[in-house]
Protein backbone atom coordinates (compact mmCIF):
# COMPACT_ATOMS: atom_id res chain seq x y z
CA UNK A 1 13.25 3.93 18.30
CA UNK A 2 9.99 6.21 17.95
CA UNK A 3 6.80 4.53 17.68
CA UNK A 4 5.87 2.64 14.62
CA UNK A 5 2.94 4.03 13.18
CA UNK A 6 -0.03 2.34 12.32
CA UNK A 7 -3.21 1.61 9.66
CA UNK A 8 -6.14 0.10 8.61
CA UNK A 9 -5.88 -3.07 6.86
CA UNK A 10 -8.96 -2.74 4.20
CA UNK A 11 -12.30 -2.66 5.69
CA UNK A 12 -11.59 -5.59 8.22
CA UNK A 13 -10.83 -3.90 11.24
CA UNK A 14 -7.24 -5.43 11.36
CA UNK A 15 -4.46 -2.71 12.38
CA UNK A 16 -1.34 -3.61 11.19
CA UNK A 17 2.05 -1.62 11.55
CA UNK A 18 3.35 0.48 8.41
CA UNK A 19 6.31 -1.87 8.72
CA UNK A 20 6.01 -5.89 8.47
CA UNK A 21 8.20 -9.06 9.11
CA UNK A 22 8.29 -10.99 5.79
CA UNK A 23 9.43 -14.34 7.34
CA UNK A 24 10.83 -16.45 3.70
CA UNK A 25 14.18 -15.73 5.04
CA UNK A 26 13.58 -17.55 8.17
CA UNK A 27 12.93 -20.83 5.71
CA UNK A 28 16.67 -20.87 5.18
CA UNK A 29 15.66 -18.85 1.46
CA UNK A 30 19.33 -17.44 1.70
CA UNK A 31 20.98 -19.02 4.43
CA UNK A 32 20.60 -21.92 6.69
CA UNK A 33 19.80 -20.10 10.03
CA UNK A 34 20.54 -21.38 13.46
CA UNK A 35 16.64 -22.48 15.13
CA UNK A 36 17.38 -20.04 18.26
CA UNK A 37 19.02 -17.02 15.55
CA UNK A 38 15.64 -17.15 13.72
CA UNK A 39 13.57 -17.13 16.54
CA UNK A 40 15.31 -14.42 18.60
CA UNK A 41 14.66 -12.34 14.63
CA UNK A 42 11.03 -12.88 15.32
CA UNK A 43 11.03 -11.54 19.29
CA UNK A 44 12.93 -8.47 18.55
CA UNK A 45 10.85 -7.44 15.58
CA UNK A 46 7.77 -7.96 18.21
CA UNK A 47 9.71 -6.45 20.91
CA UNK A 48 10.27 -3.12 19.06
CA UNK A 49 6.70 -2.58 18.19
CA UNK A 50 6.43 -4.68 14.77
CA UNK A 51 2.65 -6.05 14.40
CA UNK A 52 2.47 -7.76 11.30
CA UNK A 53 4.30 -10.74 10.34
CA UNK A 54 3.86 -12.60 6.93
CA UNK A 55 4.83 -16.31 6.36
CA UNK A 56 3.85 -18.78 3.83
CA UNK A 57 3.97 -23.37 3.69
CA UNK A 58 6.38 -22.91 0.74
CA UNK A 59 9.08 -21.09 2.94
CA UNK A 60 11.42 -23.76 3.65
CA UNK A 61 8.58 -26.38 3.59
CA UNK A 62 6.81 -25.22 6.56
CA UNK A 63 9.96 -24.17 8.27
CA UNK A 64 9.50 -20.52 8.39
CA UNK A 65 6.11 -21.56 9.91
CA UNK A 66 7.07 -23.19 12.56
CA UNK A 67 9.83 -21.10 13.89
CA UNK A 68 7.54 -18.15 13.73
CA UNK A 69 5.02 -20.51 16.03
CA UNK A 70 7.65 -20.71 18.42
CA UNK A 71 8.56 -17.42 18.54
CA UNK A 72 4.91 -16.60 19.10
CA UNK A 73 4.33 -19.03 21.52
CA UNK A 74 3.04 -17.03 24.41
CA UNK A 75 2.80 -13.90 22.88
CA UNK A 76 -0.93 -12.30 23.30
CA UNK A 77 -2.90 -13.57 20.06
CA UNK A 78 -4.53 -10.24 19.43
CA UNK A 79 -1.39 -8.32 19.79
CA UNK A 80 0.19 -9.29 16.16
CA UNK A 81 -1.75 -9.93 12.99
CA UNK A 82 -0.53 -13.04 10.77
CA UNK A 83 -0.68 -13.60 7.38
CA UNK A 84 -0.50 -16.75 5.27
CA UNK A 85 -0.82 -18.48 2.48
CA UNK A 86 -2.37 -21.35 0.33
CA UNK A 87 -2.50 -23.00 -2.54
CA UNK A 88 0.40 -25.31 -1.95
CA UNK A 89 0.96 -27.99 -0.01
CA UNK A 90 3.59 -29.66 1.82
CA UNK A 91 4.61 -33.33 1.05
CA UNK A 92 5.80 -35.62 3.51
CA UNK A 93 9.45 -35.81 1.57
CA UNK A 94 9.59 -32.16 1.71
CA UNK A 95 8.39 -30.90 -2.07
CA UNK A 96 5.65 -28.46 -2.43
CA UNK A 97 3.00 -28.94 -4.80
CA UNK A 98 0.24 -26.85 -6.01
CA UNK A 99 -3.51 -27.62 -4.76
CA UNK A 100 -6.10 -25.45 -5.49
CA UNK A 101 -8.93 -27.77 -4.49
CA UNK A 102 -11.61 -26.84 -1.43
CA UNK A 103 -10.14 -29.93 0.53
CA UNK A 104 -5.94 -28.58 -0.86
CA UNK A 105 -6.73 -25.01 0.76
CA UNK A 106 -8.59 -26.08 3.68
CA UNK A 107 -6.07 -28.97 4.61
CA UNK A 108 -3.42 -26.44 3.83
CA UNK A 109 -4.55 -23.70 6.37
CA UNK A 110 -5.10 -26.53 8.77
CA UNK A 111 -1.59 -27.34 8.29
CA UNK A 112 -0.12 -24.21 8.68
CA UNK A 113 -2.10 -23.86 11.85
CA UNK A 114 -0.47 -26.81 13.23
CA UNK A 115 3.00 -25.69 12.41
CA UNK A 116 2.45 -22.42 13.48
CA UNK A 117 0.76 -23.39 17.09
CA UNK A 118 -2.43 -21.14 16.54
CA UNK A 119 -5.84 -21.64 16.59
CA UNK A 120 -6.20 -18.62 13.69
CA UNK A 121 -4.70 -16.64 11.30
CA UNK A 122 -6.07 -13.18 10.25
CA UNK A 123 -5.26 -13.01 6.57
CA UNK A 124 -5.12 -15.77 3.92
CA UNK A 125 -3.67 -14.93 0.88
CA UNK A 126 -3.54 -17.40 -2.84
CA UNK A 127 -0.27 -17.86 -3.26
CA UNK A 128 1.46 -16.74 -6.97
CA UNK A 129 -1.70 -18.38 -9.18
CA UNK A 130 -0.04 -17.20 -12.28
CA UNK A 131 -0.94 -20.06 -14.37
CA UNK A 132 -4.01 -21.14 -12.33
CA UNK A 133 -6.21 -18.28 -12.33
CA UNK A 134 -9.21 -20.20 -12.91
CA UNK A 135 -8.67 -22.85 -10.40
CA UNK A 136 -7.83 -19.93 -7.81
CA UNK A 137 -11.04 -17.99 -8.43
CA UNK A 138 -13.36 -20.88 -8.99
CA UNK A 139 -12.55 -23.29 -6.32
CA UNK A 140 -9.92 -21.20 -3.61
CA UNK A 141 -11.34 -18.15 -3.51
CA UNK A 142 -15.03 -19.35 -2.44
CA UNK A 143 -13.74 -21.68 -0.18
CA UNK A 144 -11.66 -18.70 1.62
CA UNK A 145 -14.71 -16.08 1.42
CA UNK A 146 -16.78 -19.11 2.69
CA UNK A 147 -14.46 -19.04 5.73
CA UNK A 148 -14.24 -15.35 6.00
CA UNK A 149 -18.51 -15.56 6.24
CA UNK A 150 -17.60 -18.07 9.19
CA UNK A 151 -15.48 -16.00 11.05
CA UNK A 152 -12.67 -18.04 10.62
CA UNK A 153 -10.11 -15.49 9.20
CA UNK A 154 -10.52 -12.34 8.49
CA UNK A 155 -9.15 -11.13 5.37
CA UNK A 156 -8.61 -12.63 1.92
CA UNK A 157 -6.35 -12.07 -1.13
CA UNK A 158 -3.43 -13.00 -2.88
CA UNK A 159 0.39 -12.17 -3.38
CA UNK A 160 2.09 -12.10 -6.70
CA UNK A 161 5.10 -11.38 -8.36
CA UNK A 162 3.11 -9.39 -10.71
CA UNK A 163 0.16 -6.86 -10.79
CA UNK A 164 -2.17 -7.58 -13.78
CA UNK A 165 -3.60 -10.81 -12.37
CA UNK A 166 -3.94 -8.87 -9.04
CA UNK A 167 -6.10 -6.38 -10.90
CA UNK A 168 -8.51 -9.29 -12.21
CA UNK A 169 -8.96 -10.39 -8.74
CA UNK A 170 -9.78 -6.93 -8.01
CA UNK A 171 -12.43 -6.83 -10.29
CA UNK A 172 -13.84 -10.18 -9.98
CA UNK A 173 -13.82 -11.08 -6.25
CA UNK A 174 -14.37 -9.38 -3.23
CA UNK A 175 -11.04 -9.55 -1.77
CA UNK A 176 -9.33 -7.58 1.35
CA UNK A 177 -5.72 -7.26 0.78
CA UNK A 178 -3.04 -7.95 -1.92
CA UNK A 179 0.83 -8.72 -1.14
CA UNK A 180 2.45 -7.27 -4.39
CA UNK A 181 6.10 -8.12 -4.64
CA UNK A 182 8.68 -6.12 -6.55
CA UNK A 183 6.16 -4.56 -8.87
CA UNK A 184 6.04 -1.00 -6.99
CA UNK A 185 9.45 0.01 -5.88
CA UNK A 186 11.96 2.63 -6.11
CA UNK A 187 13.19 1.07 -9.86
CA UNK A 188 9.57 -0.07 -11.04
CA UNK A 189 6.37 1.79 -10.88
CA UNK A 190 4.47 -0.18 -13.33
CA UNK A 191 1.63 -0.92 -11.05
CA UNK A 192 0.90 2.95 -10.60
CA UNK A 193 -1.84 3.76 -13.61
CA UNK A 194 -3.87 1.07 -13.19
CA UNK A 195 -3.50 -1.35 -10.50
CA UNK A 196 -3.14 1.28 -7.38
CA UNK A 197 -5.79 3.44 -8.41
CA UNK A 198 -8.14 0.11 -8.69
CA UNK A 199 -7.37 -0.85 -5.08
CA UNK A 200 -7.54 2.80 -3.91
CA UNK A 201 -11.38 2.77 -5.54
CA UNK A 202 -12.45 -0.68 -4.01
CA UNK A 203 -10.62 -0.07 -0.73
CA UNK A 204 -8.02 -2.87 -1.13
CA UNK A 205 -4.84 -2.65 1.15
CA UNK A 206 -1.13 -3.34 -0.33
CA UNK A 207 1.53 -5.24 1.48
CA UNK A 208 4.24 -4.21 -0.07
CA UNK A 209 7.09 -7.05 -0.62
CA UNK A 210 10.50 -7.16 -2.80
CA UNK A 211 11.29 -3.64 -1.99
CA UNK A 212 14.49 -4.39 -3.18
CA UNK A 213 13.80 -6.01 -6.25
CA UNK A 214 15.51 -9.41 -5.26
CA UNK A 215 18.64 -7.35 -4.18
CA UNK A 216 19.76 -4.78 -6.28
CA UNK A 217 18.35 -1.53 -4.79
CA UNK A 218 19.52 -3.23 -1.28
CA UNK A 219 23.59 -3.88 -2.76
CA UNK A 220 23.65 -1.43 -5.70
CA UNK A 221 24.97 -1.96 -8.81
CA UNK A 222 27.60 -4.31 -8.15
CA UNK A 223 28.93 -7.15 -10.02
CA UNK A 224 26.40 -10.12 -9.59
CA UNK A 225 23.54 -7.84 -8.17
CA UNK A 226 20.15 -9.43 -8.30
CA UNK A 227 16.80 -8.05 -10.25
CA UNK A 228 13.70 -10.35 -10.13
CA UNK A 229 15.88 -13.30 -9.02
CA UNK A 230 18.79 -13.04 -11.54
CA UNK A 231 21.71 -11.52 -12.60
CA UNK A 232 20.63 -7.81 -13.44
CA UNK A 233 20.59 -6.87 -16.86
CA UNK A 234 23.63 -3.68 -17.84
CA UNK A 235 20.27 -1.78 -18.51
CA UNK A 236 19.00 -2.67 -14.95
CA UNK A 237 22.58 -1.77 -13.41
CA UNK A 238 22.74 1.40 -15.29
CA UNK A 239 19.19 2.82 -14.37
CA UNK A 240 20.06 1.87 -10.44
CA UNK A 241 23.47 3.08 -10.72
CA UNK A 242 22.20 6.73 -11.94
CA UNK A 243 19.39 6.18 -8.92
CA UNK A 244 22.52 5.77 -6.56
CA UNK A 245 24.01 9.11 -8.13
CA UNK A 246 20.75 10.86 -6.82
CA UNK A 247 20.81 8.90 -3.72
CA UNK A 248 24.52 9.80 -3.10
CA UNK A 249 24.21 13.60 -3.75
CA UNK A 250 21.13 14.01 -1.36
CA UNK A 251 23.11 11.87 1.35
CA UNK A 252 20.71 8.90 1.45
CA UNK A 253 21.91 5.22 1.27
CA UNK A 254 19.91 3.90 -1.70
CA UNK A 255 18.27 0.77 0.66
CA UNK A 256 16.81 3.80 2.58
CA UNK A 257 15.51 5.02 -0.19
CA UNK A 258 13.93 2.06 -1.62
CA UNK A 259 12.41 0.76 1.86
CA UNK A 260 10.84 4.24 2.32
CA UNK A 261 9.68 5.00 -1.28
CA UNK A 262 6.31 2.63 -1.68
CA UNK A 263 4.66 3.50 1.48
CA UNK A 264 3.41 6.80 0.41
CA UNK A 265 0.90 5.59 -1.68
CA UNK A 266 -2.36 5.70 -0.59
CA UNK A 267 -3.40 1.98 -1.52
CA UNK A 268 0.14 0.71 0.54
CA UNK A 269 -0.89 -0.63 4.23
CA UNK A 270 2.45 -1.97 4.99
CA UNK A 271 6.17 -2.54 3.81
CA UNK A 272 7.16 -5.77 4.35
CA UNK A 273 11.10 -6.82 5.25
CA UNK A 274 13.18 -9.65 5.76
CA UNK A 275 15.85 -10.64 7.95
CA UNK A 276 17.89 -13.17 9.19
CA UNK A 277 19.06 -11.49 13.04
CA UNK A 278 18.21 -9.27 15.62
CA UNK A 279 20.63 -6.93 14.21
CA UNK A 280 18.61 -6.71 10.92
CA UNK A 281 15.56 -6.04 12.64
CA UNK A 282 17.43 -3.13 14.28
CA UNK A 283 18.91 -1.84 10.69
CA UNK A 284 15.64 -1.44 9.17
CA UNK A 285 13.92 0.04 12.23
CA UNK A 286 16.90 2.63 11.92
CA UNK A 287 16.24 2.97 8.15
CA UNK A 288 12.76 3.49 8.32
CA UNK A 289 13.34 6.04 10.82
CA UNK A 290 16.14 7.86 8.80
CA UNK A 291 14.86 11.55 7.54
CA UNK A 292 14.44 12.23 3.67
CA UNK A 293 14.87 15.40 2.23
CA UNK A 294 12.06 15.86 -0.59
CA UNK A 295 14.81 16.65 -2.96
CA UNK A 296 15.69 13.33 -3.34
CA UNK A 297 12.58 13.01 -4.69
CA UNK A 298 12.15 15.38 -6.61
CA UNK A 299 15.42 15.25 -8.23
CA UNK A 300 14.85 11.40 -9.08
CA UNK A 301 11.35 12.57 -11.13
CA UNK A 302 13.24 15.53 -12.61
CA UNK A 303 16.18 12.73 -14.14
CA UNK A 304 12.91 10.57 -15.29
CA UNK A 305 14.10 7.91 -12.57
CA UNK A 306 10.79 7.95 -10.80
CA UNK A 307 7.19 7.95 -12.41
CA UNK A 308 6.32 12.01 -12.47
CA UNK A 309 2.97 10.84 -10.66
CA UNK A 310 4.43 8.87 -7.72
CA UNK A 311 3.47 10.00 -4.36
CA UNK A 312 6.72 10.30 -2.43
CA UNK A 313 6.95 10.37 1.37
CA UNK A 314 7.32 13.55 3.39
CA UNK A 315 9.84 14.50 5.71
């Protein structure tokens, strides 16, 4: 497997691989994973050269962080870059509740470090502040900015399934990066005209999540295919069917095109994939290394299935 390319994360000095491991599935998001399998998945990703790992207290009510910490035990700390999230606290009964106060943010980070078994994380993101913008901007962000200025963390940002509020953060706070889930994909490029150029202008790095739009760009337009965490509508099924037909003509599996598309935008620093086994890690690495003909992107644009100004990967 070829060496993964690396790039800088904003102005932080951090260097991350262009492909990163998202660890929500390690918190039993889709299925209950044996502990050893979850740990082996992370170990395989690290051995394959992936150095960027993303987690959150929400993922399995801390389970993802605990398992990630076990996999990272003994791994040289400077060999990986780790992001986690704040804005939610795990309760003793396993419930996860929102808390955007200064004390809540510090407690969340301290508890994450305990679960991870680490003395620091690199990137801290405000997690899904959709209904809590003022609290996040007025209390959570200043707390994180203070920690950044003290050198406790290296980067501050937010992670959301929408770009409109992320754009507000970009305009009103000194952020280093965002995790944008499901809003810049082969199926949806609504963030292309306004949000991504804003981030590029400000030097804000974008972590892309949700490249398969909850599943449909991995499964194709089958019965029960998911889009935005729900059954895909007939219109979405029809559009994905058209995208898949173009991919089939060019001999490129739909899921490979979906994984590769977002990274071509200059604001995008890394693309996350989820995995529940070493074999799935290997499959994503193989997909990432698969050459894609330029004709695929040209055909998608010609058929109105891709934004005409969307940057596309080179061979």
